[in-house]
Amino acid sequence: MSKFDDALKGLSPQEKKAVLRGLQGQKTQQKFKHSFGSKHFKFGYFSDSHIGHKEFSLELWDKMVKVFKREKIDRVFCPGDITEGMSGRDGHIYELTHIGASAQIEYASELINQIQAEVLGISGNHDNWFQIKGNMGLSVGEEIAQRCPNFTFLGDWEADVEIAKGIWLKLYHGNDGSAYATSYKIQKLIESFTGGEKPNIVLSGHYHKSLYSFIRNVHAFECGTICGQTRWMRGKKIAAHMGFGIVELWLGKGIERLRHEFFPHYEE
C-alpha cells in the first residue's frame, strides 16, 4: 500500500472525493452547449451576491426574484461569488451573518431555490476560499447544485456556453483588484482573447460594477452586485453598483440586435 493510499484510510467516500478533487485542481474554461432553441430570447443575470455577508441585500434579492418571474425569464446566469467565504482578513468574521461553509451554502441554496428559472453559474474567488485557502477541497458550486434542482454548476472561474448555434457566452470571474476606470478591466479582458477564442457575449463578475461595452465585436457586461459596499471596499474607495440585469437577443447572422436592462438598487 502506498503512502497516498494509507493517507486516505479512514476517510468517508465523500471525504475521499473532496481530497481527490482538490488534487485534480479547479475546473476552468469548460465548454457547454445550452441552446435557447430560438432566434429571439432573453435571459437574466446577477453576480457577486456574497451571501453570508451582512451587506448582502435580501431586499434586492427579493426584487430580482419577482422581476425575473414577472418578465418570464427562464434562464439566469451568474458569474461567481455566490457566497462570501471566509477571506481571513483581519476582522472579517465580524462582517458575516453566516459563518462557515455549511451555513453559507445552506442559505445560498434556500435563496437560489426561490428563483423560478434555471440558474447556470460559476464560482468566484470568495466561493473558492473553502477549496483553496481553506484547503478543504470543497466546491461551493457543486454543493449548491446538489441542493438546488434549478442550479447547474459550470466550473470555477470561467466557462463558455453555446446559447445558440455558433453563439457563445462566456462567464468570467476575475481574481485581481479594481482599476481607476470602470471600463478598464473588461476592456483588457476582451483584448486578451485571441481571435479564435472570442465569445459573442461576456458576463463578468468580481468588480461589483455595472457596465455594457461593445469591444472587438464582443458584447461585454460587468454584472453589478447584490451586496452593498463593505467596510473593506469603503477603505479602498471602491463603489458597489448594486443591481441585476436582463438581456434580450435577436439572432440572424450572429447577434443582429441586443437590448439590455439594468435594474439598479439604492440603499438608504
Protein backbone atom coordinates (compact mmCIF):
# COMPACT_ATOMS: atom_id res chain seq x y z
CA MET A 1 0.00 0.00 0.00
CA SER A 2 1.36 3.43 -0.95
CA LYS A 3 1.68 6.35 1.44
CA PHE A 4 -1.15 8.04 -0.50
CA ASP A 5 -3.47 5.05 -0.03
CA ASP A 6 -2.53 4.94 3.63
CA ALA A 7 -3.39 8.65 3.97
CA LEU A 8 -6.89 8.00 2.61
CA LYS A 9 -7.62 5.25 5.11
CA GLY A 10 -10.43 6.05 7.47
CA LEU A 11 -11.95 8.75 5.23
CA SER A 12 -15.56 8.52 4.11
CA PRO A 13 -16.30 8.25 0.35
CA GLN A 14 -17.36 11.93 0.37
CA GLU A 15 -14.11 12.98 2.06
CA LYS A 16 -12.02 10.94 -0.38
CA LYS A 17 -13.86 12.58 -3.27
CA ALA A 18 -13.12 16.03 -1.83
CA VAL A 19 -9.40 15.25 -1.43
CA LEU A 20 -9.10 13.90 -4.97
CA ARG A 21 -11.00 16.88 -6.38
CA GLY A 22 -8.58 19.22 -4.65
CA LEU A 23 -5.58 17.35 -6.07
CA GLN A 24 -7.04 17.49 -9.56
CA GLY A 25 -7.28 21.26 -9.38
CA GLN A 26 -10.15 23.52 -10.22
CA LYS A 27 -12.35 23.20 -13.27
CA THR A 28 -11.69 26.10 -15.60
CA GLN A 29 -12.64 27.19 -19.12
CA GLN A 30 -15.17 24.44 -19.63
CA LYS A 31 -17.41 24.43 -22.70
CA PHE A 32 -21.12 23.61 -22.65
CA LYS A 33 -23.98 23.51 -25.12
CA HIS A 34 -27.13 25.06 -23.68
CA SER A 35 -29.19 26.36 -26.57
CA PHE A 36 -32.27 28.53 -26.11
CA GLY A 37 -33.64 26.92 -29.28
CA SER A 38 -34.91 30.10 -30.94
CA LYS A 39 -33.75 33.25 -32.73
CA HIS A 40 -35.28 35.60 -30.17
CA PHE A 41 -34.92 35.11 -26.43
CA LYS A 42 -33.88 36.80 -23.23
CA PHE A 43 -32.04 35.82 -20.07
CA GLY A 44 -31.32 37.30 -16.67
CA TYR A 45 -28.07 37.74 -14.81
CA PHE A 46 -26.81 38.58 -11.35
CA SER A 47 -23.38 38.47 -9.78
CA ASP A 48 -21.45 38.79 -6.54
CA SER A 49 -24.29 38.23 -4.12
CA HIS A 50 -21.79 37.37 -1.34
CA ILE A 51 -24.44 35.50 0.61
CA GLY A 52 -23.32 35.28 4.21
CA HIS A 53 -22.01 38.85 4.42
CA LYS A 54 -24.06 41.39 6.35
CA GLU A 55 -24.10 43.70 3.31
CA PHE A 56 -25.86 41.09 1.17
CA SER A 57 -29.17 42.73 0.26
CA LEU A 58 -32.14 40.44 0.81
CA GLU A 59 -34.36 43.32 -0.34
CA LEU A 60 -32.60 43.44 -3.71
CA TRP A 61 -32.62 39.64 -3.99
CA ASP A 62 -36.39 39.54 -3.41
CA LYS A 63 -36.88 42.24 -6.03
CA MET A 64 -34.77 40.28 -8.51
CA VAL A 65 -36.76 37.08 -7.97
CA LYS A 66 -40.01 38.96 -8.56
CA VAL A 67 -38.74 40.76 -11.68
CA PHE A 68 -37.44 37.56 -13.27
CA LYS A 69 -40.81 35.91 -12.65
CA ARG A 70 -42.76 38.91 -13.99
CA GLU A 71 -40.57 39.12 -17.12
CA LYS A 72 -40.90 35.35 -17.71
CA ILE A 73 -37.15 34.78 -17.53
CA ASP A 74 -36.47 31.06 -17.69
CA ARG A 75 -32.66 31.17 -17.65
CA VAL A 76 -30.35 33.14 -15.38
CA PHE A 77 -26.55 33.33 -15.44
CA CYS A 78 -24.24 34.08 -12.50
CA PRO A 79 -20.51 34.78 -12.95
CA GLY A 80 -19.47 33.90 -9.42
CA ASP A 81 -19.14 34.87 -5.77
CA ILE A 82 -22.50 33.47 -4.80
CA THR A 83 -21.23 33.10 -1.23
CA GLU A 84 -18.95 35.29 0.88
CA GLY A 85 -16.50 32.63 2.00
CA MET A 86 -14.04 33.23 4.83
CA SER A 87 -11.42 35.60 3.46
CA GLY A 88 -9.18 35.56 6.50
CA ARG A 89 -8.60 39.30 6.53
CA ASP A 90 -8.49 40.90 9.97
CA GLY A 91 -11.95 41.28 11.47
CA HIS A 92 -13.71 39.64 8.53
CA ILE A 93 -15.62 37.20 10.71
CA TYR A 94 -17.44 40.12 12.36
CA GLU A 95 -18.83 41.13 8.95
CA LEU A 96 -20.62 37.80 8.47
CA THR A 97 -24.20 36.79 9.16
CA HIS A 98 -23.47 33.13 8.28
CA ILE A 99 -20.15 31.68 9.41
CA GLY A 100 -18.61 28.66 7.68
CA ALA A 101 -19.24 26.63 4.55
CA SER A 102 -22.32 24.76 5.76
CA ALA A 103 -24.20 27.87 6.89
CA GLN A 104 -23.42 29.88 3.75
CA ILE A 105 -24.18 27.02 1.34
CA GLU A 106 -27.48 26.21 3.05
CA TYR A 107 -28.62 29.84 2.98
CA ALA A 108 -27.50 30.32 -0.63
CA SER A 109 -29.33 27.16 -1.65
CA GLU A 110 -32.50 28.35 0.07
CA LEU A 111 -32.34 31.62 -1.87
CA ILE A 112 -31.47 30.14 -5.26
CA ASN A 113 -34.40 27.75 -4.96
CA GLN A 114 -36.63 30.84 -4.86
CA ILE A 115 -35.67 31.74 -8.44
CA GLN A 116 -38.31 30.31 -10.75
CA ALA A 117 -35.84 29.78 -13.57
CA GLU A 118 -32.82 27.66 -14.40
CA VAL A 119 -29.67 29.21 -12.93
CA LEU A 120 -26.29 28.50 -14.52
CA GLY A 121 -23.24 29.70 -12.63
CA ILE A 122 -19.54 29.53 -11.96
CA SER A 123 -17.64 30.04 -8.73
CA GLY A 124 -15.54 33.10 -7.90
CA ASN A 125 -12.66 33.82 -5.57
CA HIS A 126 -14.90 34.13 -2.48
CA ASP A 127 -16.67 30.83 -3.25
CA ASN A 128 -13.31 29.19 -3.85
CA TRP A 129 -11.93 30.21 -0.45
CA PHE A 130 -13.12 26.91 1.00
CA GLN A 131 -11.42 24.98 -1.80
CA ILE A 132 -8.12 26.89 -1.97
CA LYS A 133 -7.27 28.93 1.11
CA GLY A 134 -9.28 26.73 3.41
CA ASN A 135 -7.65 23.61 1.88
CA MET A 136 -10.97 21.79 2.26
CA GLY A 137 -11.38 20.53 -1.30
CA LEU A 138 -14.96 21.75 -1.04
CA SER A 139 -16.67 23.08 -4.16
CA VAL A 140 -19.39 25.57 -3.26
CA GLY A 141 -20.85 25.29 -6.76
CA GLU A 142 -21.14 21.52 -6.64
CA GLU A 143 -22.66 21.61 -3.16
CA ILE A 144 -25.30 24.14 -4.22
CA ALA A 145 -26.08 22.10 -7.35
CA GLN A 146 -26.82 19.08 -5.15
CA ARG A 147 -29.30 21.11 -3.12
CA CYS A 148 -30.93 23.13 -5.93
CA PRO A 149 -32.64 21.29 -8.83
CA ASN A 150 -32.67 24.57 -10.77
CA PHE A 151 -28.91 25.24 -10.46
CA THR A 152 -26.26 24.00 -12.90
CA PHE A 153 -22.64 24.44 -11.86
CA LEU A 154 -20.38 25.19 -14.85
CA GLY A 155 -17.00 25.26 -13.11
CA ASP A 156 -14.53 27.54 -11.36
CA TRP A 157 -13.50 31.00 -12.61
CA GLU A 158 -14.89 30.79 -16.16
CA ALA A 159 -16.97 28.74 -18.57
CA ASP A 160 -18.19 29.02 -22.17
CA VAL A 161 -21.80 28.26 -23.06
CA GLU A 162 -23.12 27.88 -26.61
CA ILE A 163 -26.54 29.52 -26.21
CA ALA A 164 -27.43 29.17 -29.92
CA LYS A 165 -25.64 27.67 -32.90
CA GLY A 166 -22.33 29.48 -33.16
CA ILE A 167 -23.24 31.99 -30.43
CA TRP A 168 -21.01 31.70 -27.35
CA LEU A 169 -21.49 33.29 -23.95
CA LYS A 170 -18.55 33.38 -21.54
CA LEU A 171 -18.98 33.58 -17.78
CA TYR A 172 -15.85 35.09 -16.23
CA HIS A 173 -14.75 35.94 -12.70
CA GLY A 174 -11.62 37.99 -12.13
CA ASN A 175 -9.10 37.49 -9.37
CA ASP A 176 -7.39 40.86 -9.16
CA GLY A 177 -8.15 44.36 -7.93
CA SER A 178 -10.27 47.18 -9.32
CA ALA A 179 -8.93 49.78 -11.75
CA TYR A 180 -9.06 53.57 -11.86
CA ALA A 181 -11.59 53.40 -14.73
CA THR A 182 -14.73 51.24 -14.64
CA SER A 183 -14.22 50.10 -18.23
CA TYR A 184 -10.53 49.17 -17.91
CA LYS A 185 -10.82 45.59 -16.63
CA ILE A 186 -13.42 44.42 -19.14
CA GLN A 187 -11.52 46.15 -21.94
CA LYS A 188 -8.27 44.37 -21.08
CA LEU A 189 -10.11 41.05 -20.79
CA ILE A 190 -11.56 41.39 -24.29
CA GLU A 191 -8.18 42.47 -25.65
CA SER A 192 -6.59 39.35 -24.16
CA PHE A 193 -8.75 36.97 -26.24
CA THR A 194 -7.17 35.52 -29.36
CA GLY A 195 -9.31 35.74 -32.49
CA GLY A 196 -10.38 32.12 -32.42
CA GLU A 197 -11.49 32.10 -28.78
CA LYS A 198 -13.50 35.32 -28.72
CA PRO A 199 -17.03 34.77 -27.39
CA ASN A 200 -20.01 36.75 -28.61
CA ILE A 201 -21.01 37.76 -25.08
CA VAL A 202 -19.08 38.07 -21.82
CA LEU A 203 -20.74 38.26 -18.41
CA SER A 204 -18.08 39.36 -15.94
CA GLY A 205 -18.19 39.32 -12.16
CA HIS A 206 -15.81 40.24 -9.32
CA TYR A 207 -15.54 44.02 -9.66
CA HIS A 208 -19.04 44.92 -8.41
CA LYS A 209 -19.56 47.31 -11.32
CA SER A 210 -22.31 47.70 -13.89
CA LEU A 211 -21.25 48.39 -17.47
CA TYR A 212 -22.09 47.43 -21.05
CA SER A 213 -19.43 47.73 -23.76
CA PHE A 214 -19.06 46.57 -27.35
CA ILE A 215 -15.37 45.81 -27.91
CA ARG A 216 -13.87 43.73 -30.76
CA ASN A 217 -17.41 42.65 -31.67
CA VAL A 218 -17.93 41.24 -28.18
CA HIS A 219 -20.94 42.32 -26.13
CA ALA A 220 -19.37 42.72 -22.70
CA PHE A 221 -21.18 43.17 -19.39
CA GLU A 222 -19.94 43.94 -15.91
CA CYS A 223 -22.80 42.44 -13.94
CA GLY A 224 -23.02 44.53 -10.77
CA THR A 225 -23.57 43.08 -7.32
CA ILE A 226 -26.29 42.05 -4.89
CA CYS A 227 -24.06 43.15 -1.99
CA GLY A 228 -23.63 46.66 -0.64
CA GLN A 229 -20.32 48.40 -0.11
CA THR A 230 -18.35 46.51 2.52
CA ARG A 231 -16.02 48.10 5.04
CA TRP A 232 -13.04 46.79 3.05
CA MET A 233 -14.39 48.37 -0.17
CA ARG A 234 -15.04 51.65 1.61
CA GLY A 235 -11.45 51.72 2.81
CA LYS A 236 -10.22 51.13 -0.75
CA LYS A 237 -12.66 53.77 -2.13
CA ILE A 238 -14.40 51.15 -4.29
CA ALA A 239 -18.04 51.69 -5.20
CA ALA A 240 -20.63 48.90 -5.34
CA HIS A 241 -23.03 49.09 -8.30
CA MET A 242 -25.98 47.21 -6.86
CA GLY A 243 -28.46 45.60 -9.21
CA PHE A 244 -29.14 42.84 -11.74
CA GLY A 245 -29.95 42.69 -15.42
CA ILE A 246 -31.92 41.26 -18.32
CA VAL A 247 -30.52 40.82 -21.84
CA GLU A 248 -32.74 40.30 -24.89
CA LEU A 249 -31.27 38.98 -28.16
CA TRP A 250 -32.34 38.72 -31.78
CA LEU A 251 -30.22 36.40 -33.89
CA GLY A 252 -29.57 36.24 -37.62
CA LYS A 253 -26.06 36.15 -38.96
CA GLY A 254 -24.77 36.47 -35.46
CA ILE A 255 -26.35 38.82 -32.93
CA GLU A 256 -28.34 41.29 -35.03
CA ARG A 257 -29.93 43.14 -32.13
CA LEU A 258 -29.42 43.34 -28.39
CA ARG A 259 -31.42 45.08 -25.69
CA HIS A 260 -30.11 45.42 -22.14
CA GLU A 261 -31.86 46.50 -18.98
CA PHE A 262 -30.09 47.04 -15.67
CA PHE A 263 -32.23 47.21 -12.54
CA PRO A 264 -30.32 49.37 -10.04
CA HIS A 265 -30.81 49.37 -6.29
CA TYR A 266 -30.19 52.30 -3.96
CA GLU A 267 -29.58 51.84 -0.27
CA GLU A 268 -30.99 54.46 2.11
